[in-house]
Each structure stands twice: as structure tokens, then as C-alpha cells.
Amino acid sequence: MKILIVSATKFEIEPLLSKMGASHYCKTNPICCMYKNIEIDFLLTGIGMVATTYYTAKVLNKTYNLALNIGICGSFNNNLEIGSVVNVYEDCFSELGAEDGNDFLPLEELNLDGITKVSNINQVFFNSVIELLPKVTGITVNTAHGNEKSINNVFQKFHPYVESMEGAAFMFVCEQEQIPYLQIRAVSNIVERRNKNNWNIPLAIVNLNKKIIEVLNSL
């Protein structure tokens, strides 16, 4: 089996890289490792939708049996404790649309063509993986939410569980290339007015990397 693991930053997957003896990386050339009988390429794209789309599309091809997007995220749902690891099976570009006064209109309401939502319909192929993780919906943003009004507005419009800055872009590329994929994220913070004292990025990264090892062992 051959897998592509995509992450925005090195620190999000540092424990995995260390475990597999990968000490260097280059965004244009994935790091190649072996874990048991699985060939793994690690790709670090940089933060954001544009970088994720470009670098993932550049390397993704039919030689991969599975692509994983892993990283941290913010949670809109207080029932998802910080450190929780989730399977984001549906994601959307929540900022793609137009403003009409105080209202936000996504492309569908504007009757414009374009992709705003990506749903992973191939997850039945990975039943053993899915059983390890709660399934949630997410949004992908250019600006992480930290304003009470905008948080309320986006939640009322899309009802997301989590947000990231890359997820939907990764999923879109995989859908276009018809490569089976999963987006797996760990909650580092609750989506609220920015307060880093409430964040726990180290816990999220530890739990995320432990869970990825479980996922790899289940394949």
C-alpha cells in the first residue's frame, strides 16, 4: 500500500516524522518513508488553501491508494474536547460567495457555478479507520474566526463542528483525482474570541499523531 500524508506544517506531524526517521523535508519533494508494509510519502504544503491545492495537486497521482490530510483545527462544538481527534467527512469553502448587506450568500444562493462543499462518499472503503474516529463536518477559511458575531453567523449558516485553513482544498483535489482520502484533525482550541491561554496545541498534536499510528495499523 502507498499513502500520501499531507500536512500544512512540520510541527503538526513532527512525532510521526521522528518515529519514521525523517529529519528533513522539502515542499516540492515529499519525504519517503516505510512503516511496516506501507510506503508513505509526507508532503508539507504550508498554511492555507492555495498552497495546499497547488502542492497536493502537483504530487497526487494514481500510484497512491490513500491520501490523508492531517492537522489541528478549531472546534465550534463544546462537546468536542480539546485534544479530540475527528474524521472530517464533509467540508466547505464557507467564505466563497457574496455579501448582501448583513447577509452572506454562498454560490448556490447566487445561482453561480462552483464548488463550495466537498463530501467524502468513499469512506465505506475504510470502515476499520472510520470506527476509530467520530465523523464531523467542517469549514475551510482564510481567516480563522475570533469574533463573536462572525462566529455566530457562520455557525447559523453552515453548522460546522470544526474549522481549518486547508481541509476542503485537500478534499477537492482528491475528489478531482479520484484518490480515496480522509481528513483527520485534532482539536487544539474552541472557536471563540482569540485567547491562546485556552489553547492546547501540544495535546492536540500528541493525540493526532497517536491516532494516525492507529489508523496506519488498521489498514
C-alpha atoms as a PDB file:
ATOM      1  CA  MET A   1       0.000   0.000   0.000  1.00  0.00           C
ATOM      2  CA  LYS A   2       1.174   3.529  -0.785  1.00  0.00           C
ATOM      3  CA  ILE A   3      -0.113   6.556   1.145  1.00  0.00           C
ATOM      4  CA  LEU A   4       0.324  10.298   0.805  1.00  0.00           C
ATOM      5  CA  ILE A   5       0.135  12.175   4.113  1.00  0.00           C
ATOM      6  CA  VAL A   6      -0.413  15.907   3.663  1.00  0.00           C
ATOM      7  CA  SER A   7       0.063  18.457   6.433  1.00  0.00           C
ATOM      8  CA  ALA A   8       0.310  22.227   6.378  1.00  0.00           C
ATOM      9  CA  THR A   9       3.224  22.433   8.806  1.00  0.00           C
ATOM     10  CA  LYS A  10       6.042  20.272  10.069  1.00  0.00           C
ATOM     11  CA  PHE A  11       5.217  20.715  13.762  1.00  0.00           C
ATOM     12  CA  GLU A  12       1.780  19.114  13.293  1.00  0.00           C
ATOM     13  CA  ILE A  13       3.375  15.837  12.225  1.00  0.00           C
ATOM     14  CA  GLU A  14       6.743  16.098  13.978  1.00  0.00           C
ATOM     15  CA  PRO A  15       6.122  12.982  16.140  1.00  0.00           C
ATOM     16  CA  LEU A  16       5.327  10.918  13.034  1.00  0.00           C
ATOM     17  CA  LEU A  17       8.365  12.202  11.165  1.00  0.00           C
ATOM     18  CA  SER A  18      10.595  11.428  14.149  1.00  0.00           C
ATOM     19  CA  LYS A  19       9.137   7.945  14.560  1.00  0.00           C
ATOM     20  CA  MET A  20       9.878   7.180  10.918  1.00  0.00           C
ATOM     21  CA  GLY A  21      13.346   8.704  10.898  1.00  0.00           C
ATOM     22  CA  ALA A  22      12.563  11.646   8.622  1.00  0.00           C
ATOM     23  CA  SER A  23      14.590  14.655   9.722  1.00  0.00           C
ATOM     24  CA  HIS A  24      14.358  16.864   6.627  1.00  0.00           C
ATOM     25  CA  TYR A  25      11.674  17.953   4.231  1.00  0.00           C
ATOM     26  CA  CYS A  26      11.035  19.930   1.067  1.00  0.00           C
ATOM     27  CA  LYS A  27       7.624  21.141  -0.024  1.00  0.00           C
ATOM     28  CA  THR A  28       8.285  20.292  -3.658  1.00  0.00           C
ATOM     29  CA  ASN A  29       9.603  16.776  -2.898  1.00  0.00           C
ATOM     30  CA  PRO A  30       7.697  14.526  -0.464  1.00  0.00           C
ATOM     31  CA  ILE A  31       9.632  12.671   2.210  1.00  0.00           C
ATOM     32  CA  CYS A  32       9.519   8.924   1.530  1.00  0.00           C
ATOM     33  CA  CYS A  33       9.313   6.502   4.484  1.00  0.00           C
ATOM     34  CA  MET A  34       8.285   2.938   5.216  1.00  0.00           C
ATOM     35  CA  TYR A  35       6.030   1.861   8.063  1.00  0.00           C
ATOM     36  CA  LYS A  36       5.619  -1.914   8.263  1.00  0.00           C
ATOM     37  CA  ASN A  37       4.493  -2.772   4.727  1.00  0.00           C
ATOM     38  CA  ILE A  38       3.155   0.711   3.948  1.00  0.00           C
ATOM     39  CA  GLU A  39       5.047   3.140   1.755  1.00  0.00           C
ATOM     40  CA  ILE A  40       4.374   6.675   2.994  1.00  0.00           C
ATOM     41  CA  ASP A  41       5.125   9.995   1.345  1.00  0.00           C
ATOM     42  CA  PHE A  42       4.904  13.023   3.661  1.00  0.00           C
ATOM     43  CA  LEU A  43       4.042  16.316   1.968  1.00  0.00           C
ATOM     44  CA  LEU A  44       4.260  19.648   3.799  1.00  0.00           C
ATOM     45  CA  THR A  45       2.391  22.302   1.885  1.00  0.00           C
ATOM     46  CA  GLY A  46       2.443  25.424   4.024  1.00  0.00           C
ATOM     47  CA  ILE A  47      -0.652  27.025   5.502  1.00  0.00           C
ATOM     48  CA  GLY A  48      -3.751  27.893   3.503  1.00  0.00           C
ATOM     49  CA  MET A  49      -5.971  26.720   0.669  1.00  0.00           C
ATOM     50  CA  VAL A  50      -3.836  27.962  -2.220  1.00  0.00           C
ATOM     51  CA  ALA A  51      -0.617  26.279  -1.088  1.00  0.00           C
ATOM     52  CA  THR A  52      -2.478  23.085  -0.172  1.00  0.00           C
ATOM     53  CA  THR A  53      -4.215  22.918  -3.538  1.00  0.00           C
ATOM     54  CA  TYR A  54      -1.060  23.565  -5.539  1.00  0.00           C
ATOM     55  CA  TYR A  55       1.329  21.205  -3.788  1.00  0.00           C
ATOM     56  CA  THR A  56      -1.207  18.403  -3.307  1.00  0.00           C
ATOM     57  CA  ALA A  57      -2.274  18.524  -6.953  1.00  0.00           C
ATOM     58  CA  LYS A  58       1.373  18.588  -8.018  1.00  0.00           C
ATOM     59  CA  VAL A  59       2.250  15.260  -6.386  1.00  0.00           C
ATOM     60  CA  LEU A  60      -1.035  13.331  -6.159  1.00  0.00           C
ATOM     61  CA  ASN A  61      -1.367  10.552  -8.707  1.00  0.00           C
ATOM     62  CA  LYS A  62      -2.838   7.115  -9.220  1.00  0.00           C
ATOM     63  CA  THR A  63       0.054   5.355  -7.510  1.00  0.00           C
ATOM     64  CA  TYR A  64      -1.456   6.314  -4.141  1.00  0.00           C
ATOM     65  CA  ASN A  65      -4.013   4.009  -2.571  1.00  0.00           C
ATOM     66  CA  LEU A  66      -4.953   6.607   0.010  1.00  0.00           C
ATOM     67  CA  ALA A  67      -4.293  10.268   0.828  1.00  0.00           C
ATOM     68  CA  LEU A  68      -4.532  11.628   4.361  1.00  0.00           C
ATOM     69  CA  ASN A  69      -4.786  15.285   5.351  1.00  0.00           C
ATOM     70  CA  ILE A  70      -3.824  15.638   8.992  1.00  0.00           C
ATOM     71  CA  GLY A  71      -3.511  18.656  11.236  1.00  0.00           C
ATOM     72  CA  ILE A  72      -5.061  20.662  14.032  1.00  0.00           C
ATOM     73  CA  CYS A  73      -8.351  22.550  13.975  1.00  0.00           C
ATOM     74  CA  GLY A  74     -10.669  24.758  15.977  1.00  0.00           C
ATOM     75  CA  SER A  75     -13.994  23.437  17.254  1.00  0.00           C
ATOM     76  CA  PHE A  76     -17.395  25.136  17.248  1.00  0.00           C
ATOM     77  CA  ASN A  77     -18.826  22.353  19.407  1.00  0.00           C
ATOM     78  CA  ASN A  78     -18.112  22.366  23.134  1.00  0.00           C
ATOM     79  CA  ASN A  79     -18.829  18.627  23.208  1.00  0.00           C
ATOM     80  CA  LEU A  80     -15.595  18.119  21.254  1.00  0.00           C
ATOM     81  CA  GLU A  81     -12.973  18.471  23.952  1.00  0.00           C
ATOM     82  CA  ILE A  82      -9.604  19.976  23.179  1.00  0.00           C
ATOM     83  CA  GLY A  83      -7.400  17.090  22.090  1.00  0.00           C
ATOM     84  CA  SER A  84     -10.267  15.206  20.414  1.00  0.00           C
ATOM     85  CA  VAL A  85      -9.361  13.616  17.064  1.00  0.00           C
ATOM     86  CA  VAL A  86     -12.027  13.630  14.355  1.00  0.00           C
ATOM     87  CA  ASN A  87     -12.723  12.485  10.823  1.00  0.00           C
ATOM     88  CA  VAL A  88     -13.902  15.480   8.768  1.00  0.00           C
ATOM     89  CA  TYR A  89     -16.063  13.740   6.178  1.00  0.00           C
ATOM     90  CA  GLU A  90     -17.676  16.896   4.765  1.00  0.00           C
ATOM     91  CA  ASP A  91     -16.065  20.309   4.363  1.00  0.00           C
ATOM     92  CA  CYS A  92     -16.899  23.560   2.610  1.00  0.00           C
ATOM     93  CA  PHE A  93     -15.395  26.843   1.487  1.00  0.00           C
ATOM     94  CA  SER A  94     -17.532  28.950   3.794  1.00  0.00           C
ATOM     95  CA  GLU A  95     -16.259  32.302   2.543  1.00  0.00           C
ATOM     96  CA  LEU A  96     -16.973  31.669  -1.149  1.00  0.00           C
ATOM     97  CA  GLY A  97     -19.914  33.856  -2.102  1.00  0.00           C
ATOM     98  CA  ALA A  98     -21.075  37.447  -1.768  1.00  0.00           C
ATOM     99  CA  GLU A  99     -22.262  39.859   0.899  1.00  0.00           C
ATOM    100  CA  ASP A 100     -25.704  41.427   0.660  1.00  0.00           C
ATOM    101  CA  GLY A 101     -25.870  43.959   3.455  1.00  0.00           C
ATOM    102  CA  ASN A 102     -25.654  41.918   6.653  1.00  0.00           C
ATOM    103  CA  ASP A 103     -26.336  38.656   4.823  1.00  0.00           C
ATOM    104  CA  PHE A 104     -23.840  36.239   3.278  1.00  0.00           C
ATOM    105  CA  LEU A 105     -24.885  34.430   0.108  1.00  0.00           C
ATOM    106  CA  PRO A 106     -22.978  31.258  -0.893  1.00  0.00           C
ATOM    107  CA  LEU A 107     -22.632  30.419  -4.579  1.00  0.00           C
ATOM    108  CA  GLU A 108     -25.705  28.181  -4.552  1.00  0.00           C
ATOM    109  CA  GLU A 109     -27.930  31.056  -3.475  1.00  0.00           C
ATOM    110  CA  LEU A 110     -26.361  33.252  -6.167  1.00  0.00           C
ATOM    111  CA  ASN A 111     -27.075  30.595  -8.814  1.00  0.00           C
ATOM    112  CA  LEU A 112     -23.388  30.579  -9.762  1.00  0.00           C
ATOM    113  CA  ASP A 113     -21.364  27.543 -10.761  1.00  0.00           C
ATOM    114  CA  GLY A 114     -18.532  26.496  -8.476  1.00  0.00           C
ATOM    115  CA  ILE A 115     -17.563  24.083  -5.744  1.00  0.00           C
ATOM    116  CA  THR A 116     -18.417  25.145  -2.219  1.00  0.00           C
ATOM    117  CA  LYS A 117     -18.929  21.803  -0.467  1.00  0.00           C
ATOM    118  CA  VAL A 118     -16.943  18.556  -0.660  1.00  0.00           C
ATOM    119  CA  SER A 119     -18.341  15.317   0.757  1.00  0.00           C
ATOM    120  CA  ASN A 120     -16.315  12.129   1.090  1.00  0.00           C
ATOM    121  CA  ILE A 121     -18.567   9.429  -0.319  1.00  0.00           C
ATOM    122  CA  ASN A 122     -15.847   6.745  -0.500  1.00  0.00           C
ATOM    123  CA  GLN A 123     -15.366   6.287   3.223  1.00  0.00           C
ATOM    124  CA  VAL A 124     -17.078   2.905   3.236  1.00  0.00           C
ATOM    125  CA  PHE A 125     -13.766   1.629   1.814  1.00  0.00           C
ATOM    126  CA  PHE A 126     -12.130   2.426   5.156  1.00  0.00           C
ATOM    127  CA  ASN A 127     -14.586   1.019   7.681  1.00  0.00           C
ATOM    128  CA  SER A 128     -11.835  -0.029  10.079  1.00  0.00           C
ATOM    129  CA  VAL A 129     -10.469   3.530  10.096  1.00  0.00           C
ATOM    130  CA  ILE A 130     -13.823   5.224  10.408  1.00  0.00           C
ATOM    131  CA  GLU A 131     -14.667   3.205  13.519  1.00  0.00           C
ATOM    132  CA  LEU A 132     -11.694   4.837  15.261  1.00  0.00           C
ATOM    133  CA  LEU A 133     -12.923   8.394  14.798  1.00  0.00           C
ATOM    134  CA  PRO A 134     -16.099  10.456  15.208  1.00  0.00           C
ATOM    135  CA  LYS A 135     -17.365  11.870  11.908  1.00  0.00           C
ATOM    136  CA  VAL A 136     -17.865  15.647  11.775  1.00  0.00           C
ATOM    137  CA  THR A 137     -18.471  18.433   9.285  1.00  0.00           C
ATOM    138  CA  GLY A 138     -16.085  21.330   8.823  1.00  0.00           C
ATOM    139  CA  ILE A 139     -15.447  24.618   7.106  1.00  0.00           C
ATOM    140  CA  THR A 140     -12.254  25.831   5.475  1.00  0.00           C
ATOM    141  CA  VAL A 141     -11.379  29.509   5.901  1.00  0.00           C
ATOM    142  CA  ASN A 142      -8.755  32.088   5.018  1.00  0.00           C
ATOM    143  CA  THR A 143      -9.303  33.906   8.303  1.00  0.00           C
ATOM    144  CA  ALA A 144      -9.722  31.882  11.488  1.00  0.00           C
ATOM    145  CA  HIS A 145     -12.799  33.044  13.380  1.00  0.00           C
ATOM    146  CA  GLY A 146     -12.287  35.126  16.512  1.00  0.00           C
ATOM    147  CA  ASN A 147     -15.252  37.480  16.573  1.00  0.00           C
ATOM    148  CA  GLU A 148     -18.481  36.574  18.357  1.00  0.00           C
ATOM    149  CA  LYS A 149     -20.722  37.958  15.615  1.00  0.00           C
ATOM    150  CA  SER A 150     -18.929  36.248  12.747  1.00  0.00           C
ATOM    151  CA  ILE A 151     -18.717  33.001  14.720  1.00  0.00           C
ATOM    152  CA  ASN A 152     -22.469  33.055  15.289  1.00  0.00           C
ATOM    153  CA  ASN A 153     -23.157  33.945  11.650  1.00  0.00           C
ATOM    154  CA  VAL A 154     -21.032  31.170  10.181  1.00  0.00           C
ATOM    155  CA  PHE A 155     -22.401  28.620  12.639  1.00  0.00           C
ATOM    156  CA  GLN A 156     -26.000  29.529  11.816  1.00  0.00           C
ATOM    157  CA  LYS A 157     -25.246  29.314   8.094  1.00  0.00           C
ATOM    158  CA  PHE A 158     -23.207  26.117   7.924  1.00  0.00           C
ATOM    159  CA  HIS A 159     -23.489  24.371  11.336  1.00  0.00           C
ATOM    160  CA  PRO A 160     -19.853  23.202  11.279  1.00  0.00           C
ATOM    161  CA  TYR A 161     -18.179  21.211  14.012  1.00  0.00           C
ATOM    162  CA  VAL A 162     -14.640  22.341  13.171  1.00  0.00           C
ATOM    163  CA  GLU A 163     -12.666  24.767  11.031  1.00  0.00           C
ATOM    164  CA  SER A 164      -9.286  24.597   9.339  1.00  0.00           C
ATOM    165  CA  MET A 165      -7.427  26.551   6.686  1.00  0.00           C
ATOM    166  CA  GLU A 166      -6.746  23.641   4.310  1.00  0.00           C
ATOM    167  CA  GLY A 167      -9.255  20.788   4.612  1.00  0.00           C
ATOM    168  CA  ALA A 168     -11.728  21.460   1.806  1.00  0.00           C
ATOM    169  CA  ALA A 169      -8.902  22.295  -0.614  1.00  0.00           C
ATOM    170  CA  PHE A 170      -7.240  18.938   0.023  1.00  0.00           C
ATOM    171  CA  MET A 171     -10.548  17.106  -0.317  1.00  0.00           C
ATOM    172  CA  PHE A 172     -11.345  18.901  -3.573  1.00  0.00           C
ATOM    173  CA  VAL A 173      -8.055  17.829  -5.143  1.00  0.00           C
ATOM    174  CA  CYS A 174      -8.574  14.220  -4.072  1.00  0.00           C
ATOM    175  CA  GLU A 175     -12.105  14.211  -5.468  1.00  0.00           C
ATOM    176  CA  GLN A 176     -10.886  15.541  -8.828  1.00  0.00           C
ATOM    177  CA  GLU A 177      -8.073  12.984  -8.982  1.00  0.00           C
ATOM    178  CA  GLN A 178     -10.388  10.194  -7.737  1.00  0.00           C
ATOM    179  CA  ILE A 179      -7.996   9.147  -4.977  1.00  0.00           C
ATOM    180  CA  PRO A 180      -9.505   7.709  -1.757  1.00  0.00           C
ATOM    181  CA  TYR A 181      -8.829  10.083   1.107  1.00  0.00           C
ATOM    182  CA  LEU A 182      -9.506  11.024   4.709  1.00  0.00           C
ATOM    183  CA  GLN A 183      -9.172  14.330   6.546  1.00  0.00           C
ATOM    184  CA  ILE A 184      -8.166  13.685  10.163  1.00  0.00           C
ATOM    185  CA  ARG A 185      -7.778  16.548  12.623  1.00  0.00           C
ATOM    186  CA  ALA A 186      -7.272  17.130  16.328  1.00  0.00           C
ATOM    187  CA  VAL A 187      -8.965  19.984  18.185  1.00  0.00           C
ATOM    188  CA  SER A 188      -6.455  22.494  19.519  1.00  0.00           C
ATOM    189  CA  ASN A 189      -8.919  25.186  20.587  1.00  0.00           C
ATOM    190  CA  ILE A 190     -12.549  26.196  20.812  1.00  0.00           C
ATOM    191  CA  VAL A 191     -13.592  28.742  18.183  1.00  0.00           C
ATOM    192  CA  GLU A 192     -14.097  31.889  20.227  1.00  0.00           C
ATOM    193  CA  ARG A 193     -12.573  35.321  20.625  1.00  0.00           C
ATOM    194  CA  ARG A 194      -8.841  34.705  20.280  1.00  0.00           C
ATOM    195  CA  ASN A 195      -7.457  33.553  23.633  1.00  0.00           C
ATOM    196  CA  LYS A 196      -4.299  31.471  23.352  1.00  0.00           C
ATOM    197  CA  ASN A 197      -4.399  30.715  27.066  1.00  0.00           C
ATOM    198  CA  ASN A 198      -7.293  28.344  26.293  1.00  0.00           C
ATOM    199  CA  TRP A 199      -5.436  26.550  23.506  1.00  0.00           C
ATOM    200  CA  ASN A 200      -3.587  23.265  23.873  1.00  0.00           C
ATOM    201  CA  ILE A 201      -1.714  22.683  20.652  1.00  0.00           C
ATOM    202  CA  PRO A 202       0.802  20.218  22.168  1.00  0.00           C
ATOM    203  CA  LEU A 203      -2.012  17.942  23.392  1.00  0.00           C
ATOM    204  CA  ALA A 204      -3.741  18.081  20.008  1.00  0.00           C
ATOM    205  CA  ILE A 205      -0.537  17.155  18.190  1.00  0.00           C
ATOM    206  CA  VAL A 206       0.263  14.270  20.540  1.00  0.00           C
ATOM    207  CA  ASN A 207      -3.252  12.832  20.212  1.00  0.00           C
ATOM    208  CA  LEU A 208      -3.328  13.373  16.450  1.00  0.00           C
ATOM    209  CA  ASN A 209      -0.078  11.555  15.822  1.00  0.00           C
ATOM    210  CA  LYS A 210      -1.017   8.677  18.132  1.00  0.00           C
ATOM    211  CA  LYS A 211      -4.289   8.282  16.283  1.00  0.00           C
ATOM    212  CA  ILE A 212      -2.583   8.302  12.895  1.00  0.00           C
ATOM    213  CA  ILE A 213      -0.433   5.382  14.026  1.00  0.00           C
ATOM    214  CA  GLU A 214      -3.642   3.561  14.998  1.00  0.00           C
ATOM    215  CA  VAL A 215      -5.069   4.351  11.562  1.00  0.00           C
ATOM    216  CA  LEU A 216      -1.960   3.039   9.825  1.00  0.00           C
ATOM    217  CA  ASN A 217      -2.076  -0.122  11.936  1.00  0.00           C
ATOM    218  CA  SER A 218      -5.708  -0.680  10.956  1.00  0.00           C
ATOM    219  CA  LEU A 219      -5.090  -0.587   7.215  1.00  0.00           C
END
